[in-house]
Amino acid sequence: KRGAHMRVTAITLLIGEKRGKYVFWLGDLITIAFAVFIGYRMALVTRNTIVNHQVFTSMTWMPVWVMYISGVLGMAGFAIRTGVRMIGEIRAERKLKEGGE
């Protein structure tokens, strides 16, 4: 809930709180870009299994895309969750600057 395990915070001890914040934001943006790219590539593979009507050899009644779609959804959720956390941090920082809690 607090996001305590979302990243390694030792970097702030090395370079300071203010600069560390920008490093974390850059890392978050790279993470989102990576998740979107991998999710897109997974979606292409999933689409290919749908077009070719691929099924499991041991369960011919079950299409392969059922298993692959979880990767696409997982990467989408990963990107969204990282973005939501970034937005929450930005809002919290603005609140502190304005003198609120």
Protein backbone atom coordinates (compact mmCIF):
# COMPACT_ATOMS: atom_id res chain seq x y z
CA LYS A 1 0.00 0.00 0.00
CA ARG A 2 2.84 2.42 0.82
CA GLY A 3 5.01 1.32 -2.13
CA ALA A 4 7.89 0.43 0.18
CA HIS A 5 9.07 -2.47 -1.97
CA MET A 6 8.59 -0.88 -5.37
CA ARG A 7 12.21 0.23 -5.75
CA VAL A 8 15.63 0.22 -4.18
CA THR A 9 16.01 3.44 -2.20
CA ALA A 10 19.74 3.09 -1.46
CA ILE A 11 20.44 5.40 -4.41
CA THR A 12 19.14 8.36 -2.40
CA LEU A 13 21.83 7.71 0.19
CA LEU A 14 24.51 7.98 -2.49
CA ILE A 15 23.36 10.95 -4.56
CA GLY A 16 20.91 12.75 -2.29
CA GLU A 17 17.15 12.97 -2.01
CA LYS A 18 16.52 15.58 -4.71
CA ARG A 19 18.69 14.04 -7.44
CA GLY A 20 17.56 10.57 -6.43
CA LYS A 21 13.97 11.55 -7.14
CA TYR A 22 14.86 12.34 -10.77
CA VAL A 23 16.78 9.09 -11.14
CA PHE A 24 13.73 7.19 -9.88
CA TRP A 25 11.44 9.02 -12.29
CA LEU A 26 13.76 8.22 -15.18
CA GLY A 27 13.79 4.60 -14.06
CA ASP A 28 10.00 4.58 -13.86
CA LEU A 29 9.70 6.00 -17.38
CA ILE A 30 12.10 3.37 -18.70
CA THR A 31 10.11 0.70 -16.84
CA ILE A 32 6.86 1.87 -18.41
CA ALA A 33 8.43 1.98 -21.89
CA PHE A 34 9.82 -1.54 -21.39
CA ALA A 35 6.47 -2.91 -20.20
CA VAL A 36 4.63 -1.32 -23.15
CA PHE A 37 7.19 -2.66 -25.64
CA ILE A 38 7.19 -6.21 -24.24
CA GLY A 39 3.39 -6.17 -23.95
CA TYR A 40 3.13 -5.10 -27.59
CA ARG A 41 5.48 -7.85 -28.72
CA MET A 42 3.53 -10.39 -26.65
CA ALA A 43 0.31 -9.15 -28.23
CA LEU A 44 1.78 -9.79 -31.68
CA VAL A 45 2.68 -13.36 -30.72
CA THR A 46 -0.75 -13.86 -29.17
CA ARG A 47 -2.41 -12.54 -32.32
CA ASN A 48 -0.31 -14.93 -34.39
CA THR A 49 -1.51 -17.91 -32.34
CA ILE A 50 -5.12 -16.78 -32.82
CA VAL A 51 -4.73 -16.36 -36.59
CA ASN A 52 -3.06 -19.77 -36.95
CA HIS A 53 -5.61 -21.49 -34.66
CA GLN A 54 -2.87 -23.00 -32.52
CA VAL A 55 -3.90 -25.38 -29.75
CA PHE A 56 -2.06 -27.33 -27.09
CA THR A 57 -1.00 -30.78 -28.24
CA SER A 58 -2.24 -32.43 -25.05
CA MET A 59 -5.48 -30.40 -24.93
CA THR A 60 -6.65 -29.87 -28.47
CA TRP A 61 -9.79 -28.16 -27.23
CA MET A 62 -7.81 -25.30 -25.61
CA PRO A 63 -6.29 -22.51 -27.74
CA VAL A 64 -2.72 -21.40 -26.98
CA TRP A 65 -3.69 -17.71 -26.83
CA VAL A 66 -5.47 -18.35 -23.53
CA MET A 67 -2.08 -18.86 -21.90
CA TYR A 68 -0.32 -16.06 -23.80
CA ILE A 69 -2.89 -13.36 -23.05
CA SER A 70 -1.87 -13.38 -19.39
CA GLY A 71 1.55 -11.97 -20.37
CA VAL A 72 -0.06 -9.15 -22.34
CA LEU A 73 -2.40 -8.27 -19.49
CA GLY A 74 0.41 -8.58 -16.95
CA MET A 75 2.64 -6.13 -18.82
CA ALA A 76 -0.28 -3.72 -19.25
CA GLY A 77 -1.00 -3.89 -15.52
CA PHE A 78 2.69 -3.41 -14.72
CA ALA A 79 2.87 -0.27 -16.86
CA ILE A 80 -0.38 1.13 -15.45
CA ARG A 81 0.63 0.43 -11.85
CA THR A 82 3.99 2.13 -12.30
CA GLY A 83 2.31 5.15 -13.91
CA VAL A 84 -0.29 5.40 -11.15
CA ARG A 85 2.43 5.31 -8.51
CA MET A 86 4.35 8.05 -10.33
CA ILE A 87 1.25 10.23 -10.49
CA GLY A 88 0.61 9.63 -6.79
CA GLU A 89 4.14 10.71 -5.93
CA ILE A 90 3.86 13.85 -8.05
CA ARG A 91 0.55 14.76 -6.41
CA ALA A 92 1.95 14.13 -2.93
CA GLU A 93 4.95 16.32 -3.71
CA ARG A 94 2.72 19.14 -4.96
CA LYS A 95 0.62 18.90 -1.80
CA LEU A 96 3.72 19.24 0.36
CA LYS A 97 4.86 22.30 -1.61
CA GLU A 98 1.45 23.90 -1.16
CA GLY A 99 1.59 23.28 2.59
CA GLY A 100 -1.05 20.57 2.79
CA GLU A 101 -0.76 17.09 4.20
